[in-house]
Amino acid sequence: MIGRIERVPLRDVWKHEASDFTKWLEENIDILADELDIELSSAERETSAGDFSVDIMAEDSSGNPVIIENQLERSDHDHLGKVITYLTMMEAKTAIWIVKDPRPEHVKAITWLNESSSGSFYMLKIEAVRIGESEPAPLLTKIVGPSEEVRSTGDTKKRLGEQQKVRRRFWEGLLNKAKERSDLFSRCTPSTKNWISAGSGTSRAWYRYVVSQHDARIAFYIRGGDADETDQIYGYLLDSRNLIEEAFGDPLEWNPRNGKKSCNISKTISVGGYRDDQERWPKIHDTVIAAMMKLEKAFSPHIEKL
């Protein structure tokens, strides 16, 4: 016969968090170590941390402090703050937060800490279970913890965040210059995206600057109410290709929809991009702004007929 696992209310097993559960965990720190697959030793309760006290202080295999915060209730902001505070005050490298009910926002917070800091943060769910008439037993489940994958994700986010900041500065410089020469982008504000669009006079098309790491592009971007309308607008302009390119002064790149909802007519400018030396940005800005002014001049007569 196979028994069935039954959950037991935590307060039926450990009536008081500090005097019962924390004491039990201090005496059975190996259970926690086994669950996390890390070495924990020298566990001590109520270690002073300024005006506060850490539920349990332990040591890892290298003798570094490990702080453990217990909460036999739903996770809350107060205990999250304690976890961070104790880690920094005790100069620990690892923090473990044991809770009855981990809230999603706190799981995300611990994940973020693992991504963006040098510390190792664990969150575990504590339950009590029994089978039949057996004595209740602890069930610890790791909800989130550090890993190479998490660290890698954090590094990627940092890199992308830095790219966004650089792009925003690039757009600030370009828009400031563009507004001095034309009203076309006068209502636009700097963005962290790799493109900025301005209205063309029709709700179905826009002028767009696009910047990548090492080049830039200007485009006439088309998106009709549906695919057929997009194709119709593109087809009309394609019929006027010679006139448009003659007015622009250079061949353009004609990019049909190809299953997408939009299409564009563009010009790639290989003078540089946002990742190039910022001393080159003024030249890049001047070049793409001049090209955009020519693009607007080339398309304006045809927009009136759309």
Protein backbone atom coordinates (compact mmCIF):
# COMPACT_ATOMS: atom_id res chain seq x y z
CA MET A 1 0.00 0.00 0.00
CA ILE A 2 1.24 3.49 -0.84
CA GLY A 3 0.51 6.31 1.59
CA ARG A 4 -0.55 9.86 0.67
CA ILE A 5 1.34 12.97 1.64
CA GLU A 6 -0.64 15.34 3.84
CA ARG A 7 0.29 18.96 4.48
CA VAL A 8 0.41 19.94 8.13
CA PRO A 9 -0.07 23.59 9.24
CA LEU A 10 3.36 25.00 10.06
CA ARG A 11 2.18 26.44 13.37
CA ASP A 12 1.10 22.95 14.47
CA VAL A 13 4.74 21.88 14.14
CA TRP A 14 6.60 25.07 15.11
CA LYS A 15 4.35 27.28 17.19
CA HIS A 16 6.85 30.13 17.46
CA GLU A 17 9.17 31.15 14.65
CA ALA A 18 12.18 32.21 16.74
CA SER A 19 12.08 29.81 19.66
CA ASP A 20 10.82 26.77 17.75
CA PHE A 21 11.56 26.85 14.02
CA THR A 22 14.82 28.81 14.16
CA LYS A 23 16.07 26.64 17.02
CA TRP A 24 15.14 23.47 15.09
CA LEU A 25 16.91 24.76 11.95
CA GLU A 26 20.05 25.62 13.93
CA GLU A 27 20.19 22.03 15.18
CA ASN A 28 19.39 20.55 11.75
CA ILE A 29 21.32 22.87 9.45
CA ASP A 30 22.40 19.82 7.42
CA ILE A 31 18.86 19.49 6.04
CA LEU A 32 19.12 22.97 4.56
CA ALA A 33 22.65 22.29 3.28
CA ASP A 34 21.49 19.11 1.53
CA GLU A 35 18.60 20.88 -0.18
CA LEU A 36 20.87 23.64 -1.53
CA ASP A 37 23.84 21.32 -2.16
CA ILE A 38 26.19 23.68 -0.31
CA GLU A 39 28.23 23.18 2.84
CA LEU A 40 26.90 24.93 5.96
CA SER A 41 28.46 24.77 9.40
CA SER A 42 28.84 26.69 12.68
CA ALA A 43 25.19 27.75 12.76
CA GLU A 44 24.33 30.26 15.52
CA ARG A 45 21.01 31.94 16.34
CA GLU A 46 20.32 35.64 16.88
CA THR A 47 23.66 37.06 15.77
CA SER A 48 23.76 40.83 16.27
CA ALA A 49 23.66 43.04 13.17
CA GLY A 50 23.58 46.60 14.48
CA ASP A 51 20.18 47.19 16.09
CA PHE A 52 18.88 43.95 14.61
CA SER A 53 19.73 40.28 14.89
CA VAL A 54 20.14 37.67 12.15
CA ASP A 55 17.96 34.61 12.68
CA ILE A 56 20.88 32.27 11.93
CA MET A 57 24.49 32.89 10.98
CA ALA A 58 26.45 30.02 9.45
CA GLU A 59 29.62 29.52 7.42
CA ASP A 60 30.18 28.08 3.95
CA SER A 61 33.01 25.75 2.95
CA SER A 62 35.42 28.70 2.66
CA GLY A 63 34.52 30.13 6.06
CA ASN A 64 32.49 32.99 4.59
CA PRO A 65 29.42 34.16 6.55
CA VAL A 66 26.01 32.92 5.42
CA ILE A 67 22.92 34.71 6.74
CA ILE A 68 19.59 32.88 7.07
CA GLU A 69 16.30 34.72 7.57
CA ASN A 70 13.17 32.75 8.50
CA GLN A 71 9.55 33.73 7.97
CA LEU A 72 6.73 31.30 8.71
CA GLU A 73 4.31 33.59 6.90
CA ARG A 74 3.88 35.06 3.45
CA SER A 75 7.02 36.88 2.27
CA ASP A 76 6.96 40.64 2.79
CA HIS A 77 9.01 43.75 2.01
CA ASP A 78 10.27 44.02 5.59
CA HIS A 79 12.02 40.65 5.48
CA LEU A 80 13.37 41.29 1.99
CA GLY A 81 14.96 44.44 3.35
CA LYS A 82 16.41 42.49 6.28
CA VAL A 83 17.95 39.91 3.95
CA ILE A 84 19.77 42.64 1.99
CA THR A 85 20.71 44.62 5.10
CA TYR A 86 22.11 41.62 6.99
CA LEU A 87 24.12 40.44 3.98
CA THR A 88 25.87 43.80 3.66
CA MET A 89 26.33 44.43 7.39
CA MET A 90 27.79 40.99 8.05
CA GLU A 91 29.88 41.13 4.83
CA ALA A 92 28.37 37.79 3.84
CA LYS A 93 28.46 36.29 0.35
CA THR A 94 25.32 34.19 0.69
CA ALA A 95 21.80 34.96 1.95
CA ILE A 96 19.04 32.39 2.46
CA TRP A 97 15.40 33.42 2.94
CA ILE A 98 13.01 30.69 4.11
CA VAL A 99 9.30 31.52 3.84
CA LYS A 100 5.93 29.84 4.10
CA ASP A 101 4.48 31.52 1.01
CA PRO A 102 6.82 33.25 -1.49
CA ARG A 103 5.10 36.14 -3.25
CA PRO A 104 5.86 36.48 -7.01
CA GLU A 105 7.26 39.99 -6.64
CA HIS A 106 9.76 38.80 -4.03
CA VAL A 107 10.79 35.85 -6.20
CA LYS A 108 11.51 38.37 -8.96
CA ALA A 109 13.43 40.55 -6.51
CA ILE A 110 15.68 37.67 -5.43
CA THR A 111 16.23 36.70 -9.07
CA TRP A 112 17.22 40.30 -9.84
CA LEU A 113 19.68 40.35 -6.92
CA ASN A 114 21.35 37.22 -8.30
CA GLU A 115 21.55 38.79 -11.75
CA SER A 116 22.89 42.17 -10.68
CA SER A 117 25.03 41.64 -7.57
CA SER A 118 28.02 39.56 -6.54
CA GLY A 119 26.09 37.91 -3.68
CA SER A 120 24.28 34.59 -3.83
CA PHE A 121 20.61 34.77 -2.82
CA TYR A 122 18.34 31.79 -2.16
CA MET A 123 14.62 31.71 -1.49
CA LEU A 124 13.08 28.50 -0.15
CA LYS A 125 9.54 27.48 0.66
CA ILE A 126 9.04 25.62 3.95
CA GLU A 127 6.22 23.12 4.43
CA ALA A 128 5.45 20.38 6.92
CA VAL A 129 4.16 17.04 5.68
CA ARG A 130 3.27 13.61 7.01
CA ILE A 131 2.22 10.26 5.58
CA GLY A 132 -0.61 8.62 7.43
CA GLU A 133 -0.02 8.80 11.18
CA SER A 134 3.72 9.51 10.88
CA GLU A 135 5.48 12.33 12.64
CA PRO A 136 5.47 15.58 10.62
CA ALA A 137 8.58 16.20 8.54
CA PRO A 138 10.01 19.38 7.00
CA LEU A 139 9.79 19.87 3.24
CA LEU A 140 12.14 22.56 1.89
CA THR A 141 11.79 23.54 -1.76
CA LYS A 142 14.21 25.89 -3.50
CA ILE A 143 12.21 28.53 -5.35
CA VAL A 144 15.11 30.55 -6.72
CA GLY A 145 18.87 30.62 -6.32
CA PRO A 146 22.09 31.66 -8.05
CA SER A 147 23.38 29.91 -11.17
CA GLU A 148 25.74 30.53 -14.06
CA GLU A 149 22.72 30.97 -16.32
CA VAL A 150 21.25 33.64 -14.03
CA ARG A 151 24.61 35.44 -13.82
CA SER A 152 24.89 35.34 -17.59
CA THR A 153 21.38 36.76 -17.93
CA GLY A 154 22.32 39.56 -15.54
CA ASP A 155 25.46 40.37 -17.54
CA THR A 156 23.41 40.48 -20.73
CA LYS A 157 20.86 42.84 -19.16
CA LYS A 158 23.62 45.14 -17.97
CA ARG A 159 25.13 45.21 -21.46
CA LEU A 160 21.77 45.92 -23.07
CA GLY A 161 21.05 48.62 -20.49
CA GLU A 162 24.33 50.34 -21.32
CA GLN A 163 23.51 50.15 -25.04
CA GLN A 164 20.18 51.84 -24.39
CA LYS A 165 21.87 54.69 -22.53
CA VAL A 166 24.34 55.19 -25.37
CA ARG A 167 21.56 55.17 -27.98
CA ARG A 168 19.61 57.75 -26.01
CA ARG A 169 22.62 60.08 -25.98
CA PHE A 170 23.06 59.50 -29.72
CA TRP A 171 19.43 60.47 -30.39
CA GLU A 172 19.68 63.55 -28.16
CA GLY A 173 22.52 64.90 -30.28
CA LEU A 174 20.84 64.02 -33.58
CA LEU A 175 17.44 65.50 -32.67
CA ASN A 176 18.96 68.73 -31.35
CA LYS A 177 20.66 69.24 -34.71
CA ALA A 178 17.68 68.05 -36.76
CA LYS A 179 15.33 70.54 -35.08
CA GLU A 180 17.61 73.40 -36.10
CA ARG A 181 17.30 72.43 -39.78
CA SER A 182 13.76 71.14 -40.21
CA ASP A 183 10.42 70.78 -38.41
CA LEU A 184 10.07 67.15 -39.49
CA PHE A 185 11.30 65.65 -36.18
CA SER A 186 10.59 68.69 -34.00
CA ARG A 187 8.01 66.83 -31.88
CA CYS A 188 10.16 63.76 -31.33
CA THR A 189 11.97 63.02 -28.07
CA PRO A 190 15.11 60.89 -27.53
CA SER A 191 14.50 57.17 -27.23
CA THR A 192 16.40 54.11 -26.04
CA LYS A 193 15.21 52.19 -29.10
CA ASN A 194 17.22 51.87 -32.29
CA TRP A 195 14.72 53.92 -34.30
CA ILE A 196 12.78 57.19 -34.18
CA SER A 197 9.81 57.98 -36.40
CA ALA A 198 8.12 61.20 -37.49
CA GLY A 199 4.80 61.71 -39.26
CA SER A 200 4.78 62.12 -43.03
CA GLY A 201 1.38 63.74 -43.47
CA THR A 202 -0.48 60.46 -43.89
CA SER A 203 -1.44 57.99 -41.16
CA ARG A 204 -0.12 55.11 -43.29
CA ALA A 205 3.54 56.16 -43.53
CA TRP A 206 6.36 57.67 -41.47
CA TYR A 207 9.89 58.93 -41.90
CA ARG A 208 12.28 56.96 -39.74
CA TYR A 209 15.87 57.17 -38.53
CA VAL A 210 17.36 53.76 -37.69
CA VAL A 211 20.75 53.34 -36.06
CA SER A 212 22.82 50.21 -35.41
CA GLN A 213 26.21 49.81 -33.82
CA HIS A 214 28.25 50.81 -36.85
CA ASP A 215 25.91 52.29 -39.45
CA ALA A 216 22.66 54.20 -39.80
CA ARG A 217 19.65 54.16 -42.08
CA ILE A 218 16.91 56.53 -43.15
CA ALA A 219 13.61 55.07 -44.27
CA PHE A 220 10.13 55.79 -45.54
CA TYR A 221 8.15 53.28 -43.48
CA ILE A 222 4.75 52.07 -44.75
CA ARG A 223 2.04 50.28 -42.81
CA GLY A 224 -1.47 50.29 -44.21
CA GLY A 225 -4.69 49.39 -42.44
CA ASP A 226 -4.17 45.86 -43.73
CA ALA A 227 -1.71 43.95 -45.90
CA ASP A 228 -3.52 44.82 -49.13
CA GLU A 229 -3.39 48.53 -48.41
CA THR A 230 0.33 48.29 -47.55
CA ASP A 231 0.96 46.57 -50.88
CA GLN A 232 -1.11 49.17 -52.75
CA ILE A 233 0.85 52.11 -51.27
CA TYR A 234 4.16 50.38 -51.92
CA GLY A 235 3.10 49.54 -55.49
CA TYR A 236 2.11 53.12 -56.21
CA LEU A 237 5.47 54.41 -54.99
CA LEU A 238 7.34 51.69 -56.85
CA ASP A 239 5.70 52.89 -60.07
CA SER A 240 7.26 56.30 -59.34
CA ARG A 241 10.66 54.86 -58.43
CA ASN A 242 12.61 56.72 -61.11
CA LEU A 243 11.11 60.09 -60.14
CA ILE A 244 11.70 59.47 -56.41
CA GLU A 245 15.31 58.35 -56.81
CA GLU A 246 16.04 61.20 -59.20
CA ALA A 247 14.73 63.69 -56.63
CA PHE A 248 16.71 61.96 -53.84
CA GLY A 249 19.87 61.91 -55.95
CA ASP A 250 20.84 58.32 -55.29
CA PRO A 251 19.39 54.77 -55.62
CA LEU A 252 17.24 53.61 -52.71
CA GLU A 253 16.68 50.17 -51.18
CA TRP A 254 13.13 48.98 -51.98
CA ASN A 255 12.04 46.44 -49.39
CA PRO A 256 8.59 44.87 -50.06
CA ARG A 257 6.38 43.46 -47.33
CA ASN A 258 7.34 39.76 -47.79
CA GLY A 259 4.70 38.44 -45.40
CA LYS A 260 5.10 41.23 -42.85
CA LYS A 261 2.54 43.92 -42.03
CA SER A 262 4.86 46.71 -43.14
CA CYS A 263 7.51 47.55 -45.70
CA ASN A 264 9.98 50.35 -46.27
CA ILE A 265 12.05 52.25 -48.77
CA SER A 266 15.39 53.10 -47.26
CA LYS A 267 19.00 54.16 -47.62
CA THR A 268 21.82 52.69 -45.55
CA ILE A 269 24.51 55.21 -44.62
CA SER A 270 27.84 53.65 -43.71
CA VAL A 271 29.34 56.71 -42.06
CA GLY A 272 29.08 55.08 -38.58
CA GLY A 273 26.70 54.15 -35.76
CA TYR A 274 26.05 54.69 -32.06
CA ARG A 275 28.86 52.37 -30.92
CA ASP A 276 31.52 54.30 -32.82
CA ASP A 277 33.74 56.90 -31.14
CA GLN A 278 31.45 59.64 -29.85
CA GLU A 279 33.79 62.22 -31.35
CA ARG A 280 32.48 61.00 -34.72
CA TRP A 281 28.83 61.46 -33.78
CA PRO A 282 28.56 65.06 -35.07
CA LYS A 283 29.65 63.92 -38.54
CA ILE A 284 27.26 60.97 -38.42
CA HIS A 285 24.42 63.27 -37.33
CA ASP A 286 25.14 65.78 -40.10
CA THR A 287 25.24 63.06 -42.75
CA VAL A 288 22.02 61.27 -41.82
CA ILE A 289 20.09 64.53 -41.24
CA ALA A 290 21.09 65.78 -44.70
CA ALA A 291 20.00 62.45 -46.19
CA MET A 292 16.67 62.59 -44.36
CA MET A 293 15.98 66.09 -45.69
CA LYS A 294 16.56 64.80 -49.23
CA LEU A 295 14.31 61.79 -48.56
CA GLU A 296 11.50 64.03 -47.36
CA LYS A 297 11.87 66.24 -50.45
CA ALA A 298 11.74 63.19 -52.72
CA PHE A 299 8.60 61.68 -51.17
CA SER A 300 6.56 64.79 -50.34
CA PRO A 301 4.96 65.23 -53.80
CA HIS A 302 3.85 61.60 -53.81
CA ILE A 303 2.41 61.64 -50.30
CA GLU A 304 -0.15 64.22 -51.40
CA LYS A 305 -1.48 61.69 -53.93
CA LEU A 306 -1.72 58.72 -51.53
